[in-house]
Amino acid sequence: MVLLGELAHYARALVSEAGRAPDPPIPREELNRTLGWLARPVFICGHHRTATTLMRQLLDGHPELLVLPSEGTYLTSFR
């Protein structure tokens, strides 16, 4: 229990210190490129058992893509 208490104290101190640190500067070009991506999201949907998990895993391997976790029952529960 002592170790968990010390770990919790360390985690709180680390988060507190990080909150006081200034944000790192982001180059204007990178910021504009990122905002462009956010303005044009792409949604890929498919039915169960049609390789959507494989597609998600392949896309998730790309360093410039943000792939969100899948929702397995969205199409079957949406009416």
N, C-alpha and C. Protein backbone atom coordinates (compact mmCIF):
# COMPACT_ATOMS: atom_id res chain seq x y z
N MET A 1 0.82 -1.20 0.00
CA MET A 1 0.00 0.00 0.00
C MET A 1 0.86 1.26 0.00
N VAL A 2 1.99 1.21 0.67
CA VAL A 2 2.87 2.38 0.72
C VAL A 2 3.37 2.72 -0.68
N LEU A 3 3.73 1.69 -1.43
CA LEU A 3 4.22 1.91 -2.79
C LEU A 3 3.16 2.55 -3.67
N LEU A 4 1.91 2.09 -3.57
CA LEU A 4 0.83 2.68 -4.35
C LEU A 4 0.59 4.13 -3.96
N GLY A 5 0.69 4.44 -2.68
CA GLY A 5 0.53 5.81 -2.22
C GLY A 5 1.63 6.72 -2.77
N GLU A 6 2.86 6.22 -2.75
CA GLU A 6 3.98 6.99 -3.30
C GLU A 6 3.83 7.19 -4.80
N LEU A 7 3.37 6.16 -5.48
CA LEU A 7 3.17 6.27 -6.92
C LEU A 7 2.07 7.29 -7.24
N ALA A 8 1.00 7.28 -6.48
CA ALA A 8 -0.08 8.26 -6.68
C ALA A 8 0.42 9.68 -6.42
N HIS A 9 1.23 9.85 -5.39
CA HIS A 9 1.80 11.17 -5.07
C HIS A 9 2.70 11.64 -6.21
N TYR A 10 3.53 10.74 -6.73
CA TYR A 10 4.43 11.07 -7.83
C TYR A 10 3.64 11.44 -9.07
N ALA A 11 2.58 10.68 -9.38
CA ALA A 11 1.76 10.95 -10.56
C ALA A 11 1.09 12.31 -10.46
N ARG A 12 0.56 12.66 -9.28
CA ARG A 12 -0.08 13.97 -9.09
C ARG A 12 0.93 15.10 -9.26
N ALA A 13 2.13 14.92 -8.70
CA ALA A 13 3.17 15.94 -8.83
C ALA A 13 3.60 16.11 -10.28
N LEU A 14 3.71 15.01 -11.00
CA LEU A 14 4.11 15.06 -12.41
C LEU A 14 3.06 15.79 -13.25
N VAL A 15 1.79 15.48 -13.04
CA VAL A 15 0.72 16.14 -13.78
C VAL A 15 0.67 17.63 -13.43
N SER A 16 0.85 17.94 -12.18
CA SER A 16 0.85 19.34 -11.75
C SER A 16 1.99 20.12 -12.40
N GLU A 17 3.17 19.54 -12.42
CA GLU A 17 4.33 20.19 -13.05
C GLU A 17 4.12 20.36 -14.55
N ALA A 18 3.58 19.36 -15.19
CA ALA A 18 3.31 19.44 -16.63
C ALA A 18 2.30 20.54 -16.94
N GLY A 19 1.35 20.74 -16.05
CA GLY A 19 0.35 21.80 -16.24
C GLY A 19 0.94 23.20 -16.17
N ARG A 20 2.04 23.35 -15.47
CA ARG A 20 2.69 24.66 -15.35
C ARG A 20 3.66 24.94 -16.49
N ALA A 21 4.04 23.92 -17.22
CA ALA A 21 5.02 24.09 -18.30
C ALA A 21 4.35 24.78 -19.50
N PRO A 22 5.09 25.63 -20.19
CA PRO A 22 4.50 26.28 -21.37
C PRO A 22 4.32 25.27 -22.50
N ASP A 23 3.34 25.53 -23.35
CA ASP A 23 3.12 24.67 -24.51
C ASP A 23 4.30 24.82 -25.47
N PRO A 24 4.72 23.71 -26.07
CA PRO A 24 5.82 23.82 -27.04
C PRO A 24 5.34 24.56 -28.28
N PRO A 25 6.21 25.35 -28.89
CA PRO A 25 5.79 26.08 -30.09
C PRO A 25 5.53 25.12 -31.25
N ILE A 26 4.46 25.37 -31.98
CA ILE A 26 4.12 24.55 -33.14
C ILE A 26 4.36 25.40 -34.38
N PRO A 27 5.17 24.90 -35.31
CA PRO A 27 5.41 25.67 -36.53
C PRO A 27 4.10 25.96 -37.26
N ARG A 28 3.95 27.16 -37.78
CA ARG A 28 2.72 27.60 -38.45
C ARG A 28 2.31 26.63 -39.57
N GLU A 29 3.29 26.14 -40.35
CA GLU A 29 2.98 25.22 -41.45
C GLU A 29 2.34 23.93 -40.93
N GLU A 30 2.88 23.39 -39.85
CA GLU A 30 2.32 22.16 -39.29
C GLU A 30 0.92 22.42 -38.72
N LEU A 31 0.73 23.56 -38.09
CA LEU A 31 -0.58 23.91 -37.53
C LEU A 31 -1.62 24.02 -38.65
N ASN A 32 -1.28 24.69 -39.75
CA ASN A 32 -2.21 24.83 -40.86
C ASN A 32 -2.54 23.48 -41.49
N ARG A 33 -1.53 22.63 -41.63
CA ARG A 33 -1.75 21.30 -42.21
C ARG A 33 -2.67 20.47 -41.31
N THR A 34 -2.47 20.55 -40.02
CA THR A 34 -3.30 19.81 -39.07
C THR A 34 -4.73 20.31 -39.10
N LEU A 35 -4.91 21.63 -39.13
CA LEU A 35 -6.26 22.18 -39.18
C LEU A 35 -6.96 21.77 -40.47
N GLY A 36 -6.21 21.66 -41.56
CA GLY A 36 -6.79 21.20 -42.81
C GLY A 36 -7.29 19.77 -42.71
N TRP A 37 -6.53 18.91 -42.06
CA TRP A 37 -6.96 17.52 -41.87
C TRP A 37 -8.22 17.46 -41.01
N LEU A 38 -8.25 18.26 -39.95
CA LEU A 38 -9.40 18.24 -39.05
C LEU A 38 -10.67 18.73 -39.72
N ALA A 39 -10.53 19.59 -40.72
CA ALA A 39 -11.70 20.11 -41.42
C ALA A 39 -12.28 19.10 -42.41
N ARG A 40 -11.54 18.03 -42.72
CA ARG A 40 -11.99 17.05 -43.71
C ARG A 40 -11.85 15.62 -43.18
N PRO A 41 -12.63 15.24 -42.18
CA PRO A 41 -12.51 13.87 -41.66
C PRO A 41 -13.03 12.85 -42.68
N VAL A 42 -12.54 11.65 -42.58
CA VAL A 42 -12.99 10.54 -43.42
C VAL A 42 -13.50 9.44 -42.51
N PHE A 43 -14.69 8.97 -42.79
CA PHE A 43 -15.28 7.90 -42.01
C PHE A 43 -15.37 6.66 -42.90
N ILE A 44 -14.87 5.56 -42.41
CA ILE A 44 -14.95 4.30 -43.15
C ILE A 44 -15.82 3.36 -42.33
N CYS A 45 -16.91 2.92 -42.93
CA CYS A 45 -17.86 2.05 -42.24
C CYS A 45 -18.06 0.78 -43.04
N GLY A 46 -18.46 -0.25 -42.38
CA GLY A 46 -18.74 -1.50 -43.07
C GLY A 46 -19.55 -2.42 -42.19
N HIS A 47 -20.09 -3.43 -42.79
CA HIS A 47 -20.89 -4.42 -42.08
C HIS A 47 -19.96 -5.41 -41.39
N HIS A 48 -20.50 -6.13 -40.41
CA HIS A 48 -19.72 -7.15 -39.70
C HIS A 48 -19.14 -8.16 -40.69
N ARG A 49 -17.95 -8.63 -40.39
CA ARG A 49 -17.28 -9.70 -41.15
C ARG A 49 -16.94 -9.29 -42.58
N THR A 50 -16.60 -8.01 -42.79
CA THR A 50 -16.22 -7.55 -44.13
C THR A 50 -14.82 -6.94 -44.14
N ALA A 51 -13.97 -7.37 -43.24
CA ALA A 51 -12.57 -6.95 -43.14
C ALA A 51 -12.39 -5.52 -42.66
N THR A 52 -13.38 -4.99 -41.94
CA THR A 52 -13.23 -3.63 -41.41
C THR A 52 -12.15 -3.57 -40.33
N THR A 53 -12.00 -4.62 -39.55
CA THR A 53 -10.94 -4.64 -38.53
C THR A 53 -9.57 -4.62 -39.19
N LEU A 54 -9.40 -5.38 -40.24
CA LEU A 54 -8.14 -5.37 -40.98
C LEU A 54 -7.87 -3.98 -41.55
N MET A 55 -8.88 -3.35 -42.13
CA MET A 55 -8.73 -2.01 -42.69
C MET A 55 -8.31 -1.02 -41.59
N ARG A 56 -8.96 -1.10 -40.44
CA ARG A 56 -8.61 -0.21 -39.33
C ARG A 56 -7.17 -0.42 -38.90
N GLN A 57 -6.74 -1.67 -38.79
CA GLN A 57 -5.38 -1.96 -38.36
C GLN A 57 -4.35 -1.48 -39.39
N LEU A 58 -4.65 -1.64 -40.66
CA LEU A 58 -3.73 -1.16 -41.70
C LEU A 58 -3.61 0.37 -41.67
N LEU A 59 -4.74 1.05 -41.55
CA LEU A 59 -4.72 2.51 -41.51
C LEU A 59 -4.04 3.02 -40.24
N ASP A 60 -4.23 2.30 -39.14
CA ASP A 60 -3.65 2.73 -37.87
C ASP A 60 -2.13 2.67 -37.90
N GLY A 61 -1.56 1.92 -38.81
CA GLY A 61 -0.11 1.84 -38.92
C GLY A 61 0.52 3.05 -39.60
N HIS A 62 -0.29 3.92 -40.19
CA HIS A 62 0.24 5.10 -40.87
C HIS A 62 0.51 6.21 -39.85
N PRO A 63 1.70 6.81 -39.87
CA PRO A 63 2.05 7.80 -38.84
C PRO A 63 1.26 9.11 -38.94
N GLU A 64 0.63 9.41 -40.05
CA GLU A 64 -0.08 10.68 -40.19
C GLU A 64 -1.60 10.53 -40.07
N LEU A 65 -2.05 9.36 -39.66
CA LEU A 65 -3.49 9.14 -39.52
C LEU A 65 -3.85 8.92 -38.06
N LEU A 66 -5.01 9.41 -37.69
CA LEU A 66 -5.56 9.15 -36.37
C LEU A 66 -6.74 8.21 -36.57
N VAL A 67 -6.61 7.00 -36.09
CA VAL A 67 -7.63 5.99 -36.27
C VAL A 67 -8.29 5.73 -34.92
N LEU A 68 -9.58 5.99 -34.86
CA LEU A 68 -10.30 5.81 -33.61
C LEU A 68 -10.75 4.36 -33.47
N PRO A 69 -10.96 3.92 -32.24
CA PRO A 69 -11.41 2.54 -32.02
C PRO A 69 -12.75 2.29 -32.72
N SER A 70 -12.97 1.05 -33.07
CA SER A 70 -14.19 0.71 -33.79
C SER A 70 -15.36 0.54 -32.84
N GLU A 71 -16.53 0.69 -33.37
CA GLU A 71 -17.77 0.44 -32.63
C GLU A 71 -18.45 -0.74 -33.28
N GLY A 72 -18.46 -1.86 -32.62
CA GLY A 72 -18.94 -3.09 -33.22
C GLY A 72 -20.43 -3.20 -33.42
N THR A 73 -21.23 -2.40 -32.72
CA THR A 73 -22.68 -2.58 -32.84
C THR A 73 -23.39 -1.34 -33.39
N TYR A 74 -22.63 -0.40 -33.93
CA TYR A 74 -23.26 0.84 -34.38
C TYR A 74 -24.29 0.58 -35.48
N LEU A 75 -23.92 -0.15 -36.53
CA LEU A 75 -24.84 -0.35 -37.64
C LEU A 75 -26.02 -1.24 -37.26
N THR A 76 -25.82 -2.18 -36.37
CA THR A 76 -26.91 -3.07 -36.00
C THR A 76 -27.86 -2.45 -34.99
N SER A 77 -27.41 -1.45 -34.24
CA SER A 77 -28.30 -0.83 -33.24
C SER A 77 -28.87 0.51 -33.71
N PHE A 78 -28.43 1.00 -34.86
CA PHE A 78 -28.91 2.29 -35.38
C PHE A 78 -30.15 2.05 -36.23
N ARG A 79 -31.23 2.65 -35.88
CA ARG A 79 -32.48 2.48 -36.65
C ARG A 79 -33.02 3.82 -37.05
